Amino acid sequence: MRRKLPFLTVLAVTGVLMFSICGALFRCGCKGPWSGAAEHCNVHAAQGPRCPWCEHSLLGAAGFALTAGGQGLAFALARRGGASRGTAIGVAVAALPLSALLAGAATWLVTDYPHVLVMDARDRLGLPAGPIPSRAPVTDPVAGAGSPPAHAPDPGRAP
């Protein structure tokens, strides 16, 4: 257990901050768990782009894993450099912003989501859309307002 404690400590800090990081990276409305977490995320919007980490659970998991991996690397490098366990934990936590930024950018590039750090970043940078869609289903204009979505939602996904 003693060897796992640093890892669990870093994961706990990262887990608590991940919704705030999501909101800062993707400008999606996510906030800290104390402020509603994903309650205000654009993933709940009827139209428009949806946060890649909240819309696609595999991308969210990949983002978390890449972030934690970067922090693990920072921890290992600090320990290799002779840092104490406590100092290495501090280094790993301090690596969170850079690690999350890199993880967020990597997972953002494979989607068509427009925002990362700034609104409309994809257009500003002239980047093409990735293959994973982040748009809400469009209602069928022929059937009129109030009709079911043209693309059926995933029944396994909570609203």
C-alpha atoms as a PDB file:
ATOM      1  CA  MET A   1       0.000   0.000   0.000  1.00  0.00           C
ATOM      2  CA  ARG A   2       2.872   2.348   0.784  1.00  0.00           C
ATOM      3  CA  ARG A   3       4.057   2.241  -2.843  1.00  0.00           C
ATOM      4  CA  LYS A   4       0.540   2.964  -4.138  1.00  0.00           C
ATOM      5  CA  LEU A   5      -0.151   5.921  -1.846  1.00  0.00           C
ATOM      6  CA  PRO A   6       1.664   8.534  -3.993  1.00  0.00           C
ATOM      7  CA  PHE A   7      -0.162   7.333  -7.091  1.00  0.00           C
ATOM      8  CA  LEU A   8      -3.526   7.394  -5.309  1.00  0.00           C
ATOM      9  CA  THR A   9      -2.816  10.863  -3.901  1.00  0.00           C
ATOM     10  CA  VAL A  10      -2.037  12.287  -7.349  1.00  0.00           C
ATOM     11  CA  LEU A  11      -5.061  10.535  -8.876  1.00  0.00           C
ATOM     12  CA  ALA A  12      -7.338  11.923  -6.163  1.00  0.00           C
ATOM     13  CA  VAL A  13      -6.181  15.502  -6.769  1.00  0.00           C
ATOM     14  CA  THR A  14      -6.467  15.034 -10.529  1.00  0.00           C
ATOM     15  CA  GLY A  15      -9.915  13.471 -10.243  1.00  0.00           C
ATOM     16  CA  VAL A  16     -11.246  16.328  -8.125  1.00  0.00           C
ATOM     17  CA  LEU A  17      -9.925  18.934 -10.568  1.00  0.00           C
ATOM     18  CA  MET A  18     -10.781  17.175 -13.832  1.00  0.00           C
ATOM     19  CA  PHE A  19     -14.179  18.838 -14.425  1.00  0.00           C
ATOM     20  CA  SER A  20     -12.637  22.280 -13.854  1.00  0.00           C
ATOM     21  CA  ILE A  21      -9.855  21.363 -16.267  1.00  0.00           C
ATOM     22  CA  CYS A  22     -12.407  20.140 -18.812  1.00  0.00           C
ATOM     23  CA  GLY A  23     -14.241  23.467 -18.639  1.00  0.00           C
ATOM     24  CA  ALA A  24     -11.029  25.473 -18.956  1.00  0.00           C
ATOM     25  CA  LEU A  25      -9.734  23.424 -21.885  1.00  0.00           C
ATOM     26  CA  PHE A  26     -12.906  23.023 -23.914  1.00  0.00           C
ATOM     27  CA  ARG A  27     -14.893  26.132 -22.874  1.00  0.00           C
ATOM     28  CA  CYS A  28     -17.834  23.781 -22.376  1.00  0.00           C
ATOM     29  CA  GLY A  29     -19.290  24.926 -19.071  1.00  0.00           C
ATOM     30  CA  CYS A  30     -17.926  22.168 -16.820  1.00  0.00           C
ATOM     31  CA  LYS A  31     -17.056  23.383 -13.334  1.00  0.00           C
ATOM     32  CA  GLY A  32     -15.605  21.880 -10.188  1.00  0.00           C
ATOM     33  CA  PRO A  33     -17.573  19.152  -8.402  1.00  0.00           C
ATOM     34  CA  TRP A  34     -18.522  21.713  -5.731  1.00  0.00           C
ATOM     35  CA  SER A  35     -20.199  23.853  -8.446  1.00  0.00           C
ATOM     36  CA  GLY A  36     -22.145  21.202 -10.320  1.00  0.00           C
ATOM     37  CA  ALA A  37     -19.382  19.454 -12.326  1.00  0.00           C
ATOM     38  CA  ALA A  38     -20.789  18.656 -15.789  1.00  0.00           C
ATOM     39  CA  GLU A  39     -24.257  19.978 -14.919  1.00  0.00           C
ATOM     40  CA  HIS A  40     -23.632  23.118 -17.010  1.00  0.00           C
ATOM     41  CA  CYS A  41     -21.652  21.392 -19.762  1.00  0.00           C
ATOM     42  CA  ASN A  42     -22.704  21.990 -23.351  1.00  0.00           C
ATOM     43  CA  VAL A  43     -23.131  18.231 -23.675  1.00  0.00           C
ATOM     44  CA  HIS A  44     -26.647  18.853 -22.364  1.00  0.00           C
ATOM     45  CA  ALA A  45     -27.439  21.467 -25.046  1.00  0.00           C
ATOM     46  CA  ALA A  46     -30.069  20.656 -27.659  1.00  0.00           C
ATOM     47  CA  GLN A  47     -27.919  22.069 -30.465  1.00  0.00           C
ATOM     48  CA  GLY A  48     -24.357  23.014 -31.200  1.00  0.00           C
ATOM     49  CA  PRO A  49     -21.017  21.424 -30.450  1.00  0.00           C
ATOM     50  CA  ARG A  50     -20.661  19.136 -27.462  1.00  0.00           C
ATOM     51  CA  CYS A  51     -17.642  18.763 -25.215  1.00  0.00           C
ATOM     52  CA  PRO A  52     -15.521  15.870 -26.506  1.00  0.00           C
ATOM     53  CA  TRP A  53     -14.648  14.496 -23.061  1.00  0.00           C
ATOM     54  CA  CYS A  54     -18.260  14.565 -21.844  1.00  0.00           C
ATOM     55  CA  GLU A  55     -19.860  13.434 -25.123  1.00  0.00           C
ATOM     56  CA  HIS A  56     -17.485  10.535 -25.778  1.00  0.00           C
ATOM     57  CA  SER A  57     -16.652   8.550 -22.667  1.00  0.00           C
ATOM     58  CA  LEU A  58     -13.668   6.862 -24.345  1.00  0.00           C
ATOM     59  CA  LEU A  59     -12.151  10.243 -25.197  1.00  0.00           C
ATOM     60  CA  GLY A  60     -12.780  11.409 -21.640  1.00  0.00           C
ATOM     61  CA  ALA A  61     -11.121   8.282 -20.287  1.00  0.00           C
ATOM     62  CA  ALA A  62      -8.222   8.725 -22.705  1.00  0.00           C
ATOM     63  CA  GLY A  63      -7.861  12.348 -21.608  1.00  0.00           C
ATOM     64  CA  PHE A  64      -7.757  11.308 -17.955  1.00  0.00           C
ATOM     65  CA  ALA A  65      -5.318   8.453 -18.664  1.00  0.00           C
ATOM     66  CA  LEU A  66      -2.982  10.693 -20.691  1.00  0.00           C
ATOM     67  CA  THR A  67      -3.118  13.349 -17.986  1.00  0.00           C
ATOM     68  CA  ALA A  68      -2.355  10.822 -15.242  1.00  0.00           C
ATOM     69  CA  GLY A  69       0.373   9.283 -17.414  1.00  0.00           C
ATOM     70  CA  GLY A  70       2.079  12.645 -17.775  1.00  0.00           C
ATOM     71  CA  GLN A  71       1.894  13.146 -14.032  1.00  0.00           C
ATOM     72  CA  GLY A  72       3.272   9.643 -13.474  1.00  0.00           C
ATOM     73  CA  LEU A  73       6.188  10.492 -15.726  1.00  0.00           C
ATOM     74  CA  ALA A  74       6.828  13.692 -13.774  1.00  0.00           C
ATOM     75  CA  PHE A  75       6.728  11.713 -10.508  1.00  0.00           C
ATOM     76  CA  ALA A  76       9.152   9.086 -11.847  1.00  0.00           C
ATOM     77  CA  LEU A  77      11.583  11.690 -13.163  1.00  0.00           C
ATOM     78  CA  ALA A  78      11.522  13.545  -9.850  1.00  0.00           C
ATOM     79  CA  ARG A  79      12.220  10.334  -7.923  1.00  0.00           C
ATOM     80  CA  ARG A  80      14.974   9.383 -10.343  1.00  0.00           C
ATOM     81  CA  GLY A  81      16.499  12.804  -9.724  1.00  0.00           C
ATOM     82  CA  GLY A  82      16.644  12.074  -5.985  1.00  0.00           C
ATOM     83  CA  ALA A  83      13.486  13.864  -4.818  1.00  0.00           C
ATOM     84  CA  SER A  84      11.710  12.588  -1.749  1.00  0.00           C
ATOM     85  CA  ARG A  85       8.344  10.885  -2.168  1.00  0.00           C
ATOM     86  CA  GLY A  86       6.517  14.000  -0.916  1.00  0.00           C
ATOM     87  CA  THR A  87       8.423  16.297  -3.269  1.00  0.00           C
ATOM     88  CA  ALA A  88       7.769  13.948  -6.187  1.00  0.00           C
ATOM     89  CA  ILE A  89       4.042  14.023  -5.389  1.00  0.00           C
ATOM     90  CA  GLY A  90       4.217  17.823  -5.465  1.00  0.00           C
ATOM     91  CA  VAL A  91       6.017  17.709  -8.812  1.00  0.00           C
ATOM     92  CA  ALA A  92       3.370  15.358 -10.220  1.00  0.00           C
ATOM     93  CA  VAL A  93       0.527  17.610  -9.025  1.00  0.00           C
ATOM     94  CA  ALA A  94       2.358  20.669 -10.415  1.00  0.00           C
ATOM     95  CA  ALA A  95       2.597  18.853 -13.769  1.00  0.00           C
ATOM     96  CA  LEU A  96      -1.212  18.645 -13.939  1.00  0.00           C
ATOM     97  CA  PRO A  97      -1.822  21.787 -16.054  1.00  0.00           C
ATOM     98  CA  LEU A  98       0.750  20.897 -18.726  1.00  0.00           C
ATOM     99  CA  SER A  99      -0.199  17.231 -18.721  1.00  0.00           C
ATOM    100  CA  ALA A 100      -3.911  18.063 -19.055  1.00  0.00           C
ATOM    101  CA  LEU A 101      -3.224  20.604 -21.803  1.00  0.00           C
ATOM    102  CA  LEU A 102      -1.329  18.029 -23.854  1.00  0.00           C
ATOM    103  CA  ALA A 103      -3.966  15.355 -23.212  1.00  0.00           C
ATOM    104  CA  GLY A 104      -6.766  17.773 -24.063  1.00  0.00           C
ATOM    105  CA  ALA A 105      -5.083  18.897 -27.282  1.00  0.00           C
ATOM    106  CA  ALA A 106      -4.431  15.299 -28.362  1.00  0.00           C
ATOM    107  CA  THR A 107      -8.026  14.229 -27.779  1.00  0.00           C
ATOM    108  CA  TRP A 108      -9.423  17.481 -29.251  1.00  0.00           C
ATOM    109  CA  LEU A 109      -7.589  17.015 -32.551  1.00  0.00           C
ATOM    110  CA  VAL A 110      -9.496  13.816 -33.360  1.00  0.00           C
ATOM    111  CA  THR A 111     -12.894  15.525 -33.002  1.00  0.00           C
ATOM    112  CA  ASP A 112     -14.695  18.268 -34.876  1.00  0.00           C
ATOM    113  CA  TYR A 113     -15.139  20.253 -31.633  1.00  0.00           C
ATOM    114  CA  PRO A 114     -14.331  23.930 -32.337  1.00  0.00           C
ATOM    115  CA  HIS A 115     -12.979  25.149 -28.973  1.00  0.00           C
ATOM    116  CA  VAL A 116      -9.808  24.429 -27.023  1.00  0.00           C
ATOM    117  CA  LEU A 117      -8.532  27.088 -24.612  1.00  0.00           C
ATOM    118  CA  VAL A 118     -10.146  29.791 -26.753  1.00  0.00           C
ATOM    119  CA  MET A 119     -13.459  29.919 -28.557  1.00  0.00           C
ATOM    120  CA  ASP A 120     -13.299  28.826 -32.208  1.00  0.00           C
ATOM    121  CA  ALA A 121      -9.678  27.680 -31.876  1.00  0.00           C
ATOM    122  CA  ARG A 122     -10.021  25.218 -34.751  1.00  0.00           C
ATOM    123  CA  ASP A 123     -11.051  27.995 -37.185  1.00  0.00           C
ATOM    124  CA  ARG A 124      -8.444  30.409 -35.813  1.00  0.00           C
ATOM    125  CA  LEU A 125      -5.711  27.836 -36.323  1.00  0.00           C
ATOM    126  CA  GLY A 126      -7.072  26.726 -39.698  1.00  0.00           C
ATOM    127  CA  LEU A 127      -7.307  23.094 -38.611  1.00  0.00           C
ATOM    128  CA  PRO A 128      -9.641  20.669 -40.333  1.00  0.00           C
ATOM    129  CA  ALA A 129     -12.244  18.779 -38.338  1.00  0.00           C
ATOM    130  CA  GLY A 130     -11.241  15.413 -36.963  1.00  0.00           C
ATOM    131  CA  PRO A 131     -13.200  12.230 -37.704  1.00  0.00           C
ATOM    132  CA  ILE A 132     -15.156  12.082 -34.408  1.00  0.00           C
ATOM    133  CA  PRO A 133     -18.288  14.280 -34.426  1.00  0.00           C
ATOM    134  CA  SER A 134     -19.155  16.472 -31.460  1.00  0.00           C
ATOM    135  CA  ARG A 135     -22.383  17.984 -32.727  1.00  0.00           C
ATOM    136  CA  ALA A 136     -25.824  17.446 -31.233  1.00  0.00           C
ATOM    137  CA  PRO A 137     -28.260  15.535 -33.421  1.00  0.00           C
ATOM    138  CA  VAL A 138     -30.225  17.778 -35.774  1.00  0.00           C
ATOM    139  CA  THR A 139     -34.004  17.587 -35.779  1.00  0.00           C
ATOM    140  CA  ASP A 140     -35.670  16.692 -39.046  1.00  0.00           C
ATOM    141  CA  PRO A 141     -36.764  20.023 -40.650  1.00  0.00           C
ATOM    142  CA  VAL A 142     -39.391  18.275 -42.812  1.00  0.00           C
ATOM    143  CA  ALA A 143     -41.180  16.748 -39.808  1.00  0.00           C
ATOM    144  CA  GLY A 144     -41.108  20.105 -38.039  1.00  0.00           C
ATOM    145  CA  ALA A 145     -40.312  21.286 -34.561  1.00  0.00           C
ATOM    146  CA  GLY A 146     -40.747  18.819 -31.774  1.00  0.00           C
ATOM    147  CA  SER A 147     -40.013  15.841 -34.000  1.00  0.00           C
ATOM    148  CA  PRO A 148     -37.599  13.197 -32.812  1.00  0.00           C
ATOM    149  CA  PRO A 149     -33.929  13.670 -33.718  1.00  0.00           C
ATOM    150  CA  ALA A 150     -32.870  12.570 -37.180  1.00  0.00           C
ATOM    151  CA  HIS A 151     -30.211  10.385 -35.513  1.00  0.00           C
ATOM    152  CA  ALA A 152     -31.436   8.303 -32.597  1.00  0.00           C
ATOM    153  CA  PRO A 153     -29.517   8.998 -29.389  1.00  0.00           C
ATOM    154  CA  ASP A 154     -27.420   6.262 -27.830  1.00  0.00           C
ATOM    155  CA  PRO A 155     -29.823   4.432 -25.482  1.00  0.00           C
ATOM    156  CA  GLY A 156     -26.926   3.599 -23.136  1.00  0.00           C
ATOM    157  CA  ARG A 157     -26.061   7.268 -22.629  1.00  0.00           C
ATOM    158  CA  ALA A 158     -27.625   9.173 -19.785  1.00  0.00           C
ATOM    159  CA  PRO A 159     -29.290  12.489 -20.758  1.00  0.00           C
END
